[in-house]
Amino acid sequence: MENLSEALGLLVVGMTTVFVILLIVIYLGKALIALVNKYAPAEEQGKKTAALASALQSVDATTKSVIAAAVSQLTGGKGKVNKIEKI
């Protein structure tokens, strides 16, 4: 009986420790995200548009239409092709 109570005590201590450490990780992650969002400069919309236009120009018209048709069919007409990148 003594071994069982010791095992349950260790179980409670171990699970509590894991729970506290996970809470610390979660809140430090949220703080890091808030700091990055506050101090990191946001990418300008003009740069995104220029990058999108150049990416779309590098793909020929047939490939664009095939990809757009596939996306439209798979998403039931709700999807839209914004960017095409060669991997």
C-alpha atoms as a PDB file:
ATOM      1  CA  MET A   1       0.000   0.000   0.000  1.00  0.00           C
ATOM      2  CA  GLU A   2       2.896   2.302   0.757  1.00  0.00           C
ATOM      3  CA  ASN A   3       4.305   1.825  -2.757  1.00  0.00           C
ATOM      4  CA  LEU A   4       0.962   2.683  -4.328  1.00  0.00           C
ATOM      5  CA  SER A   5       0.628   5.962  -2.419  1.00  0.00           C
ATOM      6  CA  GLU A   6       4.224   6.881  -3.290  1.00  0.00           C
ATOM      7  CA  ALA A   7       3.561   6.113  -6.959  1.00  0.00           C
ATOM      8  CA  LEU A   8       0.398   8.229  -6.969  1.00  0.00           C
ATOM      9  CA  GLY A   9       2.277  11.072  -5.275  1.00  0.00           C
ATOM     10  CA  LEU A  10       4.999  10.954  -7.930  1.00  0.00           C
ATOM     11  CA  LEU A  11       2.323  10.850 -10.629  1.00  0.00           C
ATOM     12  CA  VAL A  12       0.645  13.986  -9.285  1.00  0.00           C
ATOM     13  CA  VAL A  13       3.959  15.844  -8.911  1.00  0.00           C
ATOM     14  CA  GLY A  14       5.079  14.850 -12.413  1.00  0.00           C
ATOM     15  CA  MET A  15       1.837  15.779 -14.146  1.00  0.00           C
ATOM     16  CA  THR A  16       1.659  19.094 -12.280  1.00  0.00           C
ATOM     17  CA  THR A  17       5.218  19.897 -13.331  1.00  0.00           C
ATOM     18  CA  VAL A  18       4.462  19.131 -16.974  1.00  0.00           C
ATOM     19  CA  PHE A  19       1.290  21.237 -16.830  1.00  0.00           C
ATOM     20  CA  VAL A  20       3.134  24.236 -15.343  1.00  0.00           C
ATOM     21  CA  ILE A  21       5.960  23.993 -17.890  1.00  0.00           C
ATOM     22  CA  LEU A  22       3.459  23.821 -20.768  1.00  0.00           C
ATOM     23  CA  LEU A  23       1.687  26.917 -19.431  1.00  0.00           C
ATOM     24  CA  ILE A  24       5.034  28.737 -19.324  1.00  0.00           C
ATOM     25  CA  VAL A  25       5.781  27.725 -22.922  1.00  0.00           C
ATOM     26  CA  ILE A  26       2.339  28.855 -24.102  1.00  0.00           C
ATOM     27  CA  TYR A  27       2.537  32.283 -22.468  1.00  0.00           C
ATOM     28  CA  LEU A  28       6.138  32.874 -23.569  1.00  0.00           C
ATOM     29  CA  GLY A  29       5.094  31.987 -27.128  1.00  0.00           C
ATOM     30  CA  LYS A  30       2.181  34.434 -26.975  1.00  0.00           C
ATOM     31  CA  ALA A  31       4.508  37.141 -25.642  1.00  0.00           C
ATOM     32  CA  LEU A  32       7.016  36.484 -28.435  1.00  0.00           C
ATOM     33  CA  ILE A  33       4.282  36.707 -31.069  1.00  0.00           C
ATOM     34  CA  ALA A  34       3.046  39.986 -29.582  1.00  0.00           C
ATOM     35  CA  LEU A  35       6.584  41.443 -29.574  1.00  0.00           C
ATOM     36  CA  VAL A  36       7.252  40.410 -33.159  1.00  0.00           C
ATOM     37  CA  ASN A  37       3.930  41.814 -34.343  1.00  0.00           C
ATOM     38  CA  LYS A  38       4.593  45.064 -32.496  1.00  0.00           C
ATOM     39  CA  TYR A  39       8.174  45.746 -33.594  1.00  0.00           C
ATOM     40  CA  ALA A  40       8.646  43.912 -36.908  1.00  0.00           C
ATOM     41  CA  PRO A  41       7.732  46.052 -39.900  1.00  0.00           C
ATOM     42  CA  ALA A  42       4.777  44.819 -41.895  1.00  0.00           C
ATOM     43  CA  GLU A  43       5.358  44.012 -45.546  1.00  0.00           C
ATOM     44  CA  GLU A  44       3.935  46.667 -47.822  1.00  0.00           C
ATOM     45  CA  GLN A  45       1.027  45.743 -50.059  1.00  0.00           C
ATOM     46  CA  GLY A  46       2.784  47.128 -53.133  1.00  0.00           C
ATOM     47  CA  LYS A  47       5.641  44.655 -52.750  1.00  0.00           C
ATOM     48  CA  LYS A  48       3.197  41.769 -52.508  1.00  0.00           C
ATOM     49  CA  THR A  49       1.343  42.892 -55.615  1.00  0.00           C
ATOM     50  CA  ALA A  50       4.570  43.295 -57.599  1.00  0.00           C
ATOM     51  CA  ALA A  51       5.772  39.847 -56.529  1.00  0.00           C
ATOM     52  CA  LEU A  52       2.425  38.334 -57.479  1.00  0.00           C
ATOM     53  CA  ALA A  53       2.446  39.965 -60.895  1.00  0.00           C
ATOM     54  CA  SER A  54       5.979  38.807 -61.652  1.00  0.00           C
ATOM     55  CA  ALA A  55       5.175  35.256 -60.539  1.00  0.00           C
ATOM     56  CA  LEU A  56       2.085  35.139 -62.718  1.00  0.00           C
ATOM     57  CA  GLN A  57       3.970  36.510 -65.722  1.00  0.00           C
ATOM     58  CA  SER A  58       6.550  33.746 -65.502  1.00  0.00           C
ATOM     59  CA  VAL A  59       3.871  31.069 -66.038  1.00  0.00           C
ATOM     60  CA  ASP A  60       2.336  30.731 -69.508  1.00  0.00           C
ATOM     61  CA  ALA A  61      -1.377  31.302 -70.115  1.00  0.00           C
ATOM     62  CA  THR A  62      -2.250  27.626 -70.650  1.00  0.00           C
ATOM     63  CA  THR A  63      -0.742  26.604 -67.331  1.00  0.00           C
ATOM     64  CA  LYS A  64      -2.524  29.465 -65.558  1.00  0.00           C
ATOM     65  CA  SER A  65      -5.892  28.463 -66.959  1.00  0.00           C
ATOM     66  CA  VAL A  66      -5.402  24.783 -66.091  1.00  0.00           C
ATOM     67  CA  ILE A  67      -4.420  25.603 -62.521  1.00  0.00           C
ATOM     68  CA  ALA A  68      -7.305  28.080 -62.153  1.00  0.00           C
ATOM     69  CA  ALA A  69      -9.785  25.503 -63.506  1.00  0.00           C
ATOM     70  CA  ALA A  70      -8.493  22.817 -61.148  1.00  0.00           C
ATOM     71  CA  VAL A  71      -8.718  25.114 -58.131  1.00  0.00           C
ATOM     72  CA  SER A  72     -12.206  26.230 -59.145  1.00  0.00           C
ATOM     73  CA  GLN A  73     -13.403  22.645 -59.537  1.00  0.00           C
ATOM     74  CA  LEU A  74     -11.851  21.439 -56.276  1.00  0.00           C
ATOM     75  CA  THR A  75     -13.233  24.338 -54.240  1.00  0.00           C
ATOM     76  CA  GLY A  76     -16.646  24.440 -55.879  1.00  0.00           C
ATOM     77  CA  GLY A  77     -16.019  27.832 -57.451  1.00  0.00           C
ATOM     78  CA  LYS A  78     -15.064  29.485 -54.148  1.00  0.00           C
ATOM     79  CA  GLY A  79     -11.292  29.291 -54.585  1.00  0.00           C
ATOM     80  CA  LYS A  80      -9.140  31.847 -56.361  1.00  0.00           C
ATOM     81  CA  VAL A  81      -5.548  31.555 -57.595  1.00  0.00           C
ATOM     82  CA  ASN A  82      -3.496  34.427 -56.167  1.00  0.00           C
ATOM     83  CA  LYS A  83       0.034  33.193 -56.572  1.00  0.00           C
ATOM     84  CA  ILE A  84       1.798  30.549 -58.624  1.00  0.00           C
ATOM     85  CA  GLU A  85       5.293  29.513 -57.575  1.00  0.00           C
ATOM     86  CA  LYS A  86       7.587  26.995 -59.170  1.00  0.00           C
ATOM     87  CA  ILE A  87       9.037  24.676 -56.548  1.00  0.00           C
END
